[in-house]
Amino acid sequence: LTSCQTQSRFSKNLILSLPADPLTLNPILAQEIPSITVNNF
């Protein structure tokens, strides 16, 4: 029952952890993992 409640509550969202704040959300200027990760979406 707990698993079902957790799945129902969070299944519409995906939370990803980044190692740092991105520097830019422009793919031409991006050069580090946090920026590239967000830009890919």
Full PDB file with SEQRES, HELIX, SHEET, SSBOND, CRYST1, ORIGX, SCALE, CONECT and MASTER records, all heavy atoms in Angstrom:
SEQRES   1 A   41  LEU THR SER CYS GLN THR GLN SER ARG PHE SER LYS ASN          
SEQRES   2 A   41  LEU ILE LEU SER LEU PRO ALA ASP PRO LEU THR LEU ASN          
SEQRES   3 A   41  PRO ILE LEU ALA GLN GLU ILE PRO SER ILE THR VAL ASN          
SEQRES   4 A   41  ASN PHE                                                      
HELIX    1 AA1 THR A    2  PHE A   10  1                                   9    
HELIX    2 AA2 ILE A   33  ASN A   39  1                                   7    
CRYST1    1.000    1.000    1.000  90.00  90.00  90.00 P 1           1          
ORIGX1      1.000000  0.000000  0.000000        0.00000                         
ORIGX2      0.000000  1.000000  0.000000        0.00000                         
ORIGX3      0.000000  0.000000  1.000000        0.00000                         
SCALE1      1.000000  0.000000  0.000000        0.00000                         
SCALE2      0.000000  1.000000  0.000000        0.00000                         
SCALE3      0.000000  0.000000  1.000000        0.00000                         
ATOM      1  N   LEU A   1       0.826  -1.204   0.000  1.00  0.00           N  
ATOM      2  CA  LEU A   1       0.000   0.000   0.000  1.00  0.00           C  
ATOM      3  C   LEU A   1       0.862   1.256   0.000  1.00  0.00           C  
ATOM      4  O   LEU A   1       0.565   2.232  -0.685  1.00  0.00           O  
ATOM      5  CB  LEU A   1      -0.926  -0.005   1.226  1.00  0.00           C  
ATOM      6  CG  LEU A   1      -2.029  -1.068   1.225  1.00  0.00           C  
ATOM      7  CD1 LEU A   1      -2.796  -1.037   2.543  1.00  0.00           C  
ATOM      8  CD2 LEU A   1      -2.995  -0.845   0.063  1.00  0.00           C  
ATOM      9  N   THR A   2       1.957   1.225   0.764  1.00  0.00           N  
ATOM     10  CA  THR A   2       2.865   2.371   0.815  1.00  0.00           C  
ATOM     11  C   THR A   2       3.506   2.608  -0.545  1.00  0.00           C  
ATOM     12  O   THR A   2       3.630   3.740  -1.012  1.00  0.00           O  
ATOM     13  CB  THR A   2       3.960   2.146   1.868  1.00  0.00           C  
ATOM     14  OG1 THR A   2       3.352   1.911   3.129  1.00  0.00           O  
ATOM     15  CG2 THR A   2       4.881   3.366   1.965  1.00  0.00           C  
ATOM     16  N   SER A   3       3.906   1.532  -1.215  1.00  0.00           N  
ATOM     17  CA  SER A   3       4.524   1.638  -2.536  1.00  0.00           C  
ATOM     18  C   SER A   3       3.553   2.233  -3.541  1.00  0.00           C  
ATOM     19  O   SER A   3       3.919   3.075  -4.358  1.00  0.00           O  
ATOM     20  CB  SER A   3       5.000   0.266  -3.029  1.00  0.00           C  
ATOM     21  OG  SER A   3       5.972  -0.259  -2.154  1.00  0.00           O  
ATOM     22  N   CYS A   4       2.301   1.799  -3.483  1.00  0.00           N  
ATOM     23  CA  CYS A   4       1.281   2.315  -4.402  1.00  0.00           C  
ATOM     24  C   CYS A   4       1.064   3.809  -4.186  1.00  0.00           C  
ATOM     25  O   CYS A   4       0.935   4.576  -5.135  1.00  0.00           O  
ATOM     26  CB  CYS A   4      -0.029   1.569  -4.222  1.00  0.00           C  
ATOM     27  SG  CYS A   4       0.015  -0.137  -4.825  1.00  0.00           S  
ATOM     28  N   GLN A   5       1.035   4.216  -2.895  1.00  0.00           N  
ATOM     29  CA  GLN A   5       0.825   5.623  -2.593  1.00  0.00           C  
ATOM     30  C   GLN A   5       1.991   6.468  -3.083  1.00  0.00           C  
ATOM     31  O   GLN A   5       1.810   7.544  -3.641  1.00  0.00           O  
ATOM     32  CB  GLN A   5       0.646   5.804  -1.082  1.00  0.00           C  
ATOM     33  CG  GLN A   5      -0.656   5.208  -0.556  1.00  0.00           C  
ATOM     34  CD  GLN A   5      -0.732   5.228   0.951  1.00  0.00           C  
ATOM     35  OE1 GLN A   5       0.235   5.605   1.613  1.00  0.00           O  
ATOM     36  NE2 GLN A   5      -1.866   4.835   1.508  1.00  0.00           N  
ATOM     37  N   THR A   6       3.223   5.944  -2.892  1.00  0.00           N  
ATOM     38  CA  THR A   6       4.406   6.668  -3.334  1.00  0.00           C  
ATOM     39  C   THR A   6       4.419   6.805  -4.844  1.00  0.00           C  
ATOM     40  O   THR A   6       4.677   7.867  -5.393  1.00  0.00           O  
ATOM     41  CB  THR A   6       5.683   5.933  -2.869  1.00  0.00           C  
ATOM     42  OG1 THR A   6       5.660   5.816  -1.452  1.00  0.00           O  
ATOM     43  CG2 THR A   6       6.934   6.705  -3.306  1.00  0.00           C  
ATOM     44  N   GLN A   7       4.090   5.717  -5.541  1.00  0.00           N  
ATOM     45  CA  GLN A   7       4.073   5.750  -6.998  1.00  0.00           C  
ATOM     46  C   GLN A   7       3.006   6.705  -7.506  1.00  0.00           C  
ATOM     47  O   GLN A   7       3.232   7.473  -8.435  1.00  0.00           O  
ATOM     48  CB  GLN A   7       3.829   4.346  -7.552  1.00  0.00           C  
ATOM     49  CG  GLN A   7       3.870   4.299  -9.074  1.00  0.00           C  
ATOM     50  CD  GLN A   7       3.655   2.899  -9.592  1.00  0.00           C  
ATOM     51  OE1 GLN A   7       3.319   1.999  -8.839  1.00  0.00           O  
ATOM     52  NE2 GLN A   7       3.843   2.730 -10.881  1.00  0.00           N  
ATOM     53  N   SER A   8       1.842   6.692  -6.870  1.00  0.00           N  
ATOM     54  CA  SER A   8       0.753   7.560  -7.291  1.00  0.00           C  
ATOM     55  C   SER A   8       1.113   9.024  -7.087  1.00  0.00           C  
ATOM     56  O   SER A   8       0.776   9.880  -7.888  1.00  0.00           O  
ATOM     57  CB  SER A   8      -0.520   7.216  -6.514  1.00  0.00           C  
ATOM     58  OG  SER A   8      -1.546   8.112  -6.822  1.00  0.00           O  
ATOM     59  N   ARG A   9       1.845   9.301  -6.003  1.00  0.00           N  
ATOM     60  CA  ARG A   9       2.174  10.681  -5.657  1.00  0.00           C  
ATOM     61  C   ARG A   9       3.273  11.258  -6.553  1.00  0.00           C  
ATOM     62  O   ARG A   9       3.231  12.421  -6.910  1.00  0.00           O  
ATOM     63  CB  ARG A   9       2.613  10.736  -4.199  1.00  0.00           C  
ATOM     64  CG  ARG A   9       2.968  12.148  -3.721  1.00  0.00           C  
ATOM     65  CD  ARG A   9       3.397  12.128  -2.274  1.00  0.00           C  
ATOM     66  NE  ARG A   9       3.807  13.448  -1.818  1.00  0.00           N  
ATOM     67  CZ  ARG A   9       4.334  13.695  -0.626  1.00  0.00           C  
ATOM     68  NH1 ARG A   9       4.526  12.688   0.225  1.00  0.00           N  
ATOM     69  NH2 ARG A   9       4.669  14.914  -0.286  1.00  0.00           N  
ATOM     70  N   PHE A  10       4.253  10.424  -6.927  1.00  0.00           N  
ATOM     71  CA  PHE A  10       5.429  10.952  -7.612  1.00  0.00           C  
ATOM     72  C   PHE A  10       5.580  10.523  -9.062  1.00  0.00           C  
ATOM     73  O   PHE A  10       6.508  10.925  -9.729  1.00  0.00           O  
ATOM     74  CB  PHE A  10       6.691  10.543  -6.842  1.00  0.00           C  
ATOM     75  CG  PHE A  10       6.791  11.168  -5.476  1.00  0.00           C  
ATOM     76  CD1 PHE A  10       6.591  10.409  -4.337  1.00  0.00           C  
ATOM     77  CD2 PHE A  10       7.079  12.512  -5.332  1.00  0.00           C  
ATOM     78  CE1 PHE A  10       6.685  10.983  -3.075  1.00  0.00           C  
ATOM     79  CE2 PHE A  10       7.174  13.093  -4.083  1.00  0.00           C  
ATOM     80  CZ  PHE A  10       6.979  12.336  -2.945  1.00  0.00           C  
ATOM     81  N   SER A  11       4.682   9.714  -9.571  1.00  0.00           N  
ATOM     82  CA  SER A  11       4.870   9.150 -10.897  1.00  0.00           C  
ATOM     83  C   SER A  11       4.824  10.184 -12.021  1.00  0.00           C  
ATOM     84  O   SER A  11       5.293   9.928 -13.117  1.00  0.00           O  
ATOM     85  CB  SER A  11       3.818   8.066 -11.161  1.00  0.00           C  
ATOM     86  OG  SER A  11       2.523   8.628 -11.133  1.00  0.00           O  
ATOM     87  N   LYS A  12       4.270  11.368 -11.754  1.00  0.00           N  
ATOM     88  CA  LYS A  12       4.162  12.380 -12.802  1.00  0.00           C  
ATOM     89  C   LYS A  12       5.342  13.352 -12.796  1.00  0.00           C  
ATOM     90  O   LYS A  12       5.378  14.287 -13.579  1.00  0.00           O  
ATOM     91  CB  LYS A  12       2.854  13.156 -12.642  1.00  0.00           C  
ATOM     92  CG  LYS A  12       1.614  12.282 -12.854  1.00  0.00           C  
ATOM     93  CD  LYS A  12       0.341  13.082 -12.717  1.00  0.00           C  
ATOM     94  CE  LYS A  12      -0.883  12.200 -12.941  1.00  0.00           C  
ATOM     95  NZ  LYS A  12      -2.131  12.975 -12.808  1.00  0.00           N  
ATOM     96  N   ASN A  13       6.291  13.124 -11.896  1.00  0.00           N  
ATOM     97  CA  ASN A  13       7.435  14.017 -11.785  1.00  0.00           C  
ATOM     98  C   ASN A  13       8.734  13.230 -11.761  1.00  0.00           C  
ATOM     99  O   ASN A  13       8.795  12.112 -11.253  1.00  0.00           O  
ATOM    100  CB  ASN A  13       7.338  14.849 -10.501  1.00  0.00           C  
ATOM    101  CG  ASN A  13       6.078  15.684 -10.456  1.00  0.00           C  
ATOM    102  OD1 ASN A  13       5.971  16.699 -11.106  1.00  0.00           O  
ATOM    103  ND2 ASN A  13       5.105  15.224  -9.680  1.00  0.00           N  
ATOM    104  N   LEU A  14       9.765  13.820 -12.329  1.00  0.00           N  
ATOM    105  CA  LEU A  14      11.099  13.232 -12.287  1.00  0.00           C  
ATOM    106  C   LEU A  14      12.033  14.272 -11.686  1.00  0.00           C  
ATOM    107  O   LEU A  14      12.127  15.397 -12.185  1.00  0.00           O  
ATOM    108  CB  LEU A  14      11.578  12.850 -13.692  1.00  0.00           C  
ATOM    109  CG  LEU A  14      13.013  12.338 -13.805  1.00  0.00           C  
ATOM    110  CD1 LEU A  14      13.178  11.028 -13.050  1.00  0.00           C  
ATOM    111  CD2 LEU A  14      13.400  12.164 -15.268  1.00  0.00           C  
ATOM    112  N   ILE A  15      12.716  13.911 -10.618  1.00  0.00           N  
ATOM    113  CA  ILE A  15      13.640  14.817  -9.947  1.00  0.00           C  
ATOM    114  C   ILE A  15      15.054  14.294 -10.144  1.00  0.00           C  
ATOM    115  O   ILE A  15      15.368  13.165  -9.764  1.00  0.00           O  
ATOM    116  CB  ILE A  15      13.319  14.929  -8.443  1.00  0.00           C  
ATOM    117  CG1 ILE A  15      11.886  15.453  -8.256  1.00  0.00           C  
ATOM    118  CG2 ILE A  15      14.324  15.851  -7.751  1.00  0.00           C  
ATOM    119  CD1 ILE A  15      11.415  15.475  -6.813  1.00  0.00           C  
ATOM    120  N   LEU A  16      15.891  15.101 -10.767  1.00  0.00           N  
ATOM    121  CA  LEU A  16      17.281  14.738 -11.016  1.00  0.00           C  
ATOM    122  C   LEU A  16      18.202  15.639 -10.213  1.00  0.00           C  
ATOM    123  O   LEU A  16      17.959  16.836 -10.065  1.00  0.00           O  
ATOM    124  CB  LEU A  16      17.609  14.880 -12.504  1.00  0.00           C  
ATOM    125  CG  LEU A  16      16.799  14.020 -13.478  1.00  0.00           C  
ATOM    126  CD1 LEU A  16      17.199  14.344 -14.911  1.00  0.00           C  
ATOM    127  CD2 LEU A  16      17.022  12.547 -13.195  1.00  0.00           C  
ATOM    128  N   SER A  17      19.256  15.057  -9.688  1.00  0.00           N  
ATOM    129  CA  SER A  17      20.240  15.820  -8.928  1.00  0.00           C  
ATOM    130  C   SER A  17      21.386  16.254  -9.835  1.00  0.00           C  
ATOM    131  O   SER A  17      21.943  15.439 -10.568  1.00  0.00           O  
ATOM    132  CB  SER A  17      20.788  14.966  -7.779  1.00  0.00           C  
ATOM    133  OG  SER A  17      21.771  15.679  -7.056  1.00  0.00           O  
ATOM    134  N   LEU A  18      21.736  17.536  -9.796  1.00  0.00           N  
ATOM    135  CA  LEU A  18      22.844  18.067 -10.567  1.00  0.00           C  
ATOM    136  C   LEU A  18      24.029  18.327  -9.640  1.00  0.00           C  
ATOM    137  O   LEU A  18      23.841  18.714  -8.486  1.00  0.00           O  
ATOM    138  CB  LEU A  18      22.443  19.375 -11.253  1.00  0.00           C  
ATOM    139  CG  LEU A  18      21.305  19.303 -12.268  1.00  0.00           C  
ATOM    140  CD1 LEU A  18      20.914  20.720 -12.714  1.00  0.00           C  
ATOM    141  CD2 LEU A  18      21.716  18.475 -13.467  1.00  0.00           C  
ATOM    142  N   PRO A  19      25.246  18.132 -10.121  1.00  0.00           N  
ATOM    143  CA  PRO A  19      26.419  18.354  -9.260  1.00  0.00           C  
ATOM    144  C   PRO A  19      26.673  19.826  -8.946  1.00  0.00           C  
ATOM    145  O   PRO A  19      27.399  20.154  -8.015  1.00  0.00           O  
ATOM    146  CB  PRO A  19      27.572  17.758 -10.077  1.00  0.00           C  
ATOM    147  CG  PRO A  19      27.111  17.825 -11.484  1.00  0.00           C  
ATOM    148  CD  PRO A  19      25.624  17.603 -11.444  1.00  0.00           C  
ATOM    149  N   ALA A  20      26.066  20.732  -9.740  1.00  0.00           N  
ATOM    150  CA  ALA A  20      26.247  22.167  -9.519  1.00  0.00           C  
ATOM    151  C   ALA A  20      25.179  22.917 -10.294  1.00  0.00           C  
ATOM    152  O   ALA A  20      24.447  22.330 -11.092  1.00  0.00           O  
ATOM    153  CB  ALA A  20      27.638  22.603  -9.981  1.00  0.00           C  
ATOM    154  N   ASP A  21      25.074  24.210 -10.033  1.00  0.00           N  
ATOM    155  CA  ASP A  21      24.143  25.042 -10.789  1.00  0.00           C  
ATOM    156  C   ASP A  21      24.677  25.204 -12.219  1.00  0.00           C  
ATOM    157  O   ASP A  21      25.870  25.449 -12.407  1.00  0.00           O  
ATOM    158  CB  ASP A  21      24.042  26.420 -10.127  1.00  0.00           C  
ATOM    159  CG  ASP A  21      22.686  27.068 -10.326  1.00  0.00           C  
ATOM    160  OD1 ASP A  21      21.691  26.330 -10.411  1.00  0.00           O  
ATOM    161  OD2 ASP A  21      22.621  28.312 -10.357  1.00  0.00           O  
ATOM    162  N   PRO A  22      23.826  25.056 -13.237  1.00  0.00           N  
ATOM    163  CA  PRO A  22      24.294  25.269 -14.615  1.00  0.00           C  
ATOM    164  C   PRO A  22      24.833  26.685 -14.813  1.00  0.00           C  
ATOM    165  O   PRO A  22      24.416  27.621 -14.128  1.00  0.00           O  
ATOM    166  CB  PRO A  22      23.030  25.044 -15.447  1.00  0.00           C  
ATOM    167  CG  PRO A  22      22.173  24.154 -14.605  1.00  0.00           C  
ATOM    168  CD  PRO A  22      22.422  24.603 -13.191  1.00  0.00           C  
ATOM    169  N   LEU A  23      25.729  26.818 -15.770  1.00  0.00           N  
ATOM    170  CA  LEU A  23      26.267  28.136 -16.105  1.00  0.00           C  
ATOM    171  C   LEU A  23      25.411  28.839 -17.146  1.00  0.00           C  
ATOM    172  O   LEU A  23      25.293  30.062 -17.150  1.00  0.00           O  
ATOM    173  CB  LEU A  23      27.704  28.010 -16.619  1.00  0.00           C  
ATOM    174  CG  LEU A  23      28.729  27.450 -15.637  1.00  0.00           C  
ATOM    175  CD1 LEU A  23      30.097  27.337 -16.303  1.00  0.00           C  
ATOM    176  CD2 LEU A  23      28.812  28.327 -14.386  1.00  0.00           C  
ATOM    177  N   THR A  24      24.810  28.064 -18.056  1.00  0.00           N  
ATOM    178  CA  THR A  24      24.000  28.649 -19.127  1.00  0.00           C  
ATOM    179  C   THR A  24      23.056  27.605 -19.690  1.00  0.00           C  
ATOM    180  O   THR A  24      23.382  26.415 -19.711  1.00  0.00           O  
ATOM    181  CB  THR A  24      24.891  29.194 -20.262  1.00  0.00           C  
ATOM    182  OG1 THR A  24      24.060  29.699 -21.321  1.00  0.00           O  
ATOM    183  CG2 THR A  24      25.788  28.112 -20.830  1.00  0.00           C  
ATOM    184  N   LEU A  25      21.896  28.039 -20.146  1.00  0.00           N  
ATOM    185  CA  LEU A  25      20.955  27.137 -20.801  1.00  0.00           C  
ATOM    186  C   LEU A  25      20.888  27.444 -22.297  1.00  0.00           C  
ATOM    187  O   LEU A  25      19.842  27.421 -22.909  1.00  0.00           O  
ATOM    188  CB  LEU A  25      19.571  27.238 -20.139  1.00  0.00           C  
ATOM    189  CG  LEU A  25      19.542  26.785 -18.680  1.00  0.00           C  
ATOM    190  CD1 LEU A  25      18.129  26.844 -18.121  1.00  0.00           C  
ATOM    191  CD2 LEU A  25      20.131  25.390 -18.502  1.00  0.00           C  
ATOM    192  N   ASN A  26      22.053  27.729 -22.838  1.00  0.00           N  
ATOM    193  CA  ASN A  26      22.216  27.908 -24.278  1.00  0.00           C  
ATOM    194  C   ASN A  26      23.202  26.841 -24.754  1.00  0.00           C  
ATOM    195  O   ASN A  26      24.363  26.844 -24.323  1.00  0.00           O  
ATOM    196  CB  ASN A  26      22.760  29.308 -24.586  1.00  0.00           C  
ATOM    197  CG  ASN A  26      22.825  29.596 -26.075  1.00  0.00           C  
ATOM    198  OD1 ASN A  26      23.145  28.732 -26.872  1.00  0.00           O  
ATOM    199  ND2 ASN A  26      22.530  30.836 -26.434  1.00  0.00           N  
ATOM    200  N   PRO A  27      22.788  25.909 -25.598  1.00  0.00           N  
ATOM    201  CA  PRO A  27      23.658  24.786 -25.975  1.00  0.00           C  
ATOM    202  C   PRO A  27      24.941  25.180 -26.693  1.00  0.00           C  
ATOM    203  O   PRO A  27      25.928  24.451 -26.636  1.00  0.00           O  
ATOM    204  CB  PRO A  27      22.768  23.927 -26.878  1.00  0.00           C  
ATOM    205  CG  PRO A  27      21.656  24.811 -27.312  1.00  0.00           C  
ATOM    206  CD  PRO A  27      21.458  25.802 -26.213  1.00  0.00           C  
ATOM    207  N   ILE A  28      24.948  26.332 -27.369  1.00  0.00           N  
ATOM    208  CA  ILE A  28      26.169  26.775 -28.028  1.00  0.00           C  
ATOM    209  C   ILE A  28      27.241  27.135 -26.999  1.00  0.00           C  
ATOM    210  O   ILE A  28      28.428  26.872 -27.181  1.00  0.00           O  
ATOM    211  CB  ILE A  28      25.883  27.983 -28.935  1.00  0.00           C  
ATOM    212  CG1 ILE A  28      25.184  27.536 -30.205  1.00  0.00           C  
ATOM    213  CG2 ILE A  28      27.169  28.713 -29.304  1.00  0.00           C  
ATOM    214  CD1 ILE A  28      24.964  28.647 -31.196  1.00  0.00           C  
ATOM    215  N   LEU A  29      26.818  27.730 -25.888  1.00  0.00           N  
ATOM    216  CA  LEU A  29      27.757  28.204 -24.871  1.00  0.00           C  
ATOM    217  C   LEU A  29      28.050  27.161 -23.804  1.00  0.00           C  
ATOM    218  O   LEU A  29      29.049  27.268 -23.095  1.00  0.00           O  
ATOM    219  CB  LEU A  29      27.197  29.469 -24.206  1.00  0.00           C  
ATOM    220  CG  LEU A  29      26.777  30.607 -25.149  1.00  0.00           C  
ATOM    221  CD1 LEU A  29      26.200  31.763 -24.346  1.00  0.00           C  
ATOM    222  CD2 LEU A  29      27.938  31.070 -26.001  1.00  0.00           C  
ATOM    223  N   ALA A  30      27.195  26.163 -23.674  1.00  0.00           N  
ATOM    224  CA  ALA A  30      27.349  25.172 -22.606  1.00  0.00           C  
ATOM    225  C   ALA A  30      28.626  24.365 -22.775  1.00  0.00           C  
ATOM    226  O   ALA A  30      28.978  23.961 -23.879  1.00  0.00           O  
ATOM    227  CB  ALA A  30      26.140  24.243 -22.586  1.00  0.00           C  
ATOM    228  N   GLN A  31      29.298  24.118 -21.648  1.00  0.00           N  
ATOM    229  CA  GLN A  31      30.543  23.364 -21.706  1.00  0.00           C  
ATOM    230  C   GLN A  31      30.718  22.414 -20.531  1.00  0.00           C  
ATOM    231  O   GLN A  31      31.673  21.639 -20.502  1.00  0.00           O  
ATOM    232  CB  GLN A  31      31.732  24.332 -21.746  1.00  0.00           C  
ATOM    233  CG  GLN A  31      31.774  25.300 -20.563  1.00  0.00           C  
ATOM    234  CD  GLN A  31      32.960  26.227 -20.619  1.00  0.00           C  
ATOM    235  OE1 GLN A  31      34.107  25.783 -20.674  1.00  0.00           O  
ATOM    236  NE2 GLN A  31      32.703  27.535 -20.637  1.00  0.00           N  
ATOM    237  N   GLU A  32      29.805  22.435 -19.546  1.00  0.00           N  
ATOM    238  CA  GLU A  32      29.958  21.570 -18.374  1.00  0.00           C  
ATOM    239  C   GLU A  32      28.677  20.750 -18.174  1.00  0.00           C  
ATOM    240  O   GLU A  32      27.615  21.055 -18.710  1.00  0.00           O  
ATOM    241  CB  GLU A  32      30.318  22.357 -17.111  1.00  0.00           C  
ATOM    242  CG  GLU A  32      29.835  23.808 -17.040  1.00  0.00           C  
ATOM    243  CD  GLU A  32      28.332  23.966 -17.046  1.00  0.00           C  
ATOM    244  OE1 GLU A  32      27.676  23.524 -16.103  1.00  0.00           O  
ATOM    245  OE2 GLU A  32      27.804  24.531 -18.016  1.00  0.00           O  
ATOM    246  N   ILE A  33      28.819  19.662 -17.428  1.00  0.00           N  
ATOM    247  CA  ILE A  33      27.760  18.660 -17.274  1.00  0.00           C  
ATOM    248  C   ILE A  33      26.418  19.238 -16.825  1.00  0.00           C  
ATOM    249  O   ILE A  33      25.379  18.901 -17.409  1.00  0.00           O  
ATOM    250  CB  ILE A  33      28.216  17.538 -16.325  1.00  0.00           C  
ATOM    251  CG1 ILE A  33      29.391  16.764 -16.944  1.00  0.00           C  
ATOM    252  CG2 ILE A  33      27.056  16.585 -16.022  1.00  0.00           C  
ATOM    253  CD1 ILE A  33      29.065  16.114 -18.273  1.00  0.00           C  
ATOM    254  N   PRO A  34      26.337  20.086 -15.784  1.00  0.00           N  
ATOM    255  CA  PRO A  34      25.015  20.593 -15.367  1.00  0.00           C  
ATOM    256  C   PRO A  34      24.261  21.299 -16.492  1.00  0.00           C  
ATOM    257  O   PRO A  34      23.066  21.053 -16.691  1.00  0.00           O  
ATOM    258  CB  PRO A  34      25.358  21.549 -14.224  1.00  0.00           C  
ATOM    259  CG  PRO A  34      26.639  21.019 -13.673  1.00  0.00           C  
ATOM    260  CD  PRO A  34      27.404  20.545 -14.870  1.00  0.00           C  
ATOM    261  N   SER A  35      24.940  22.174 -17.233  1.00  0.00           N  
ATOM    262  CA  SER A  35      24.276  22.887 -18.322  1.00  0.00           C  
ATOM    263  C   SER A  35      23.837  21.931 -19.428  1.00  0.00           C  
ATOM    264  O   SER A  35      22.705  21.992 -19.917  1.00  0.00           O  
ATOM    265  CB  SER A  35      25.217  23.947 -18.923  1.00  0.00           C  
ATOM    266  OG  SER A  35      25.524  24.944 -17.983  1.00  0.00           O  
ATOM    267  N   ILE A  36      24.741  21.034 -19.814  1.00  0.00           N  
ATOM    268  CA  ILE A  36      24.438  20.090 -20.890  1.00  0.00           C  
ATOM    269  C   ILE A  36      23.282  19.175 -20.495  1.00  0.00           C  
ATOM    270  O   ILE A  36      22.394  18.882 -21.317  1.00  0.00           O  
ATOM    271  CB  ILE A  36      25.699  19.260 -21.230  1.00  0.00           C  
ATOM    272  CG1 ILE A  36      26.769  20.176 -21.837  1.00  0.00           C  
ATOM    273  CG2 ILE A  36      25.359  18.138 -22.194  1.00  0.00           C  
ATOM    274  CD1 ILE A  36      28.120  19.509 -22.004  1.00  0.00           C  
ATOM    275  N   THR A  37      23.237  18.739 -19.248  1.00  0.00           N  
ATOM    276  CA  THR A  37      22.179  17.843 -18.777  1.00  0.00           C  
ATOM    277  C   THR A  37      20.805  18.484 -18.928  1.00  0.00           C  
ATOM    278  O   THR A  37      19.866  17.875 -19.452  1.00  0.00           O  
ATOM    279  CB  THR A  37      22.410  17.460 -17.305  1.00  0.00           C  
ATOM    280  OG1 THR A  37      23.661  16.773 -17.186  1.00  0.00           O  
ATOM    281  CG2 THR A  37      21.287  16.548 -16.797  1.00  0.00           C  
ATOM    282  N   VAL A  38      20.668  19.721 -18.489  1.00  0.00           N  
ATOM    283  CA  VAL A  38      19.378  20.413 -18.570  1.00  0.00           C  
ATOM    284  C   VAL A  38      19.023  20.717 -20.029  1.00  0.00           C  
ATOM    285  O   VAL A  38      17.886  20.532 -20.463  1.00  0.00           O  
ATOM    286  CB  VAL A  38      19.396  21.704 -17.740  1.00  0.00           C  
ATOM    287  CG1 VAL A  38      18.054  22.444 -17.866  1.00  0.00           C  
ATOM    288  CG2 VAL A  38      19.668  21.384 -16.269  1.00  0.00           C  
ATOM    289  N   ASN A  39      20.010  21.163 -20.791  1.00  0.00           N  
ATOM    290  CA  ASN A  39      19.760  21.499 -22.195  1.00  0.00           C  
ATOM    291  C   ASN A  39      19.246  20.308 -22.994  1.00  0.00           C  
ATOM    292  O   ASN A  39      18.465  20.478 -23.940  1.00  0.00           O  
ATOM    293  CB  ASN A  39      21.044  22.030 -22.843  1.00  0.00           C  
ATOM    294  CG  ASN A  39      21.368  23.447 -22.419  1.00  0.00           C  
ATOM    295  OD1 ASN A  39      20.496  24.184 -21.995  1.00  0.00           O  
ATOM    296  ND2 ASN A  39      22.632  23.820 -22.525  1.00  0.00           N  
ATOM    297  N   ASN A  40      19.683  19.116 -22.639  1.00  0.00           N  
ATOM    298  CA  ASN A  40      19.252  17.920 -23.371  1.00  0.00           C  
ATOM    299  C   ASN A  40      17.746  17.681 -23.282  1.00  0.00           C  
ATOM    300  O   ASN A  40      17.174  16.993 -24.135  1.00  0.00           O  
ATOM    301  CB  ASN A  40      19.995  16.690 -22.855  1.00  0.00           C  
ATOM    302  CG  ASN A  40      21.428  16.629 -23.332  1.00  0.00           C  
ATOM    303  OD1 ASN A  40      21.794  17.308 -24.285  1.00  0.00           O  
ATOM    304  ND2 ASN A  40      22.260  15.839 -22.667  1.00  0.00           N  
ATOM    305  N   PHE A  41      17.097  18.223 -22.276  1.00  0.00           N  
ATOM    306  CA  PHE A  41      15.646  18.092 -22.145  1.00  0.00           C  
ATOM    307  C   PHE A  41      14.904  19.182 -22.931  1.00  0.00           C  
ATOM    308  O   PHE A  41      13.749  19.014 -23.294  1.00  0.00           O  
ATOM    309  CB  PHE A  41      15.220  18.192 -20.674  1.00  0.00           C  
ATOM    310  CG  PHE A  41      15.583  16.992 -19.846  1.00  0.00           C  
ATOM    311  CD1 PHE A  41      16.737  16.987 -19.075  1.00  0.00           C  
ATOM    312  CD2 PHE A  41      14.782  15.863 -19.839  1.00  0.00           C  
ATOM    313  CE1 PHE A  41      17.068  15.884 -18.316  1.00  0.00           C  
ATOM    314  CE2 PHE A  41      15.107  14.753 -19.084  1.00  0.00           C  
ATOM    315  CZ  PHE A  41      16.262  14.765 -18.315  1.00  0.00           C  
TER     316      PHE A  41                                                      
MASTER        0    0    0    2    0    0    0    6  315    1    0    4          
END                                                                             
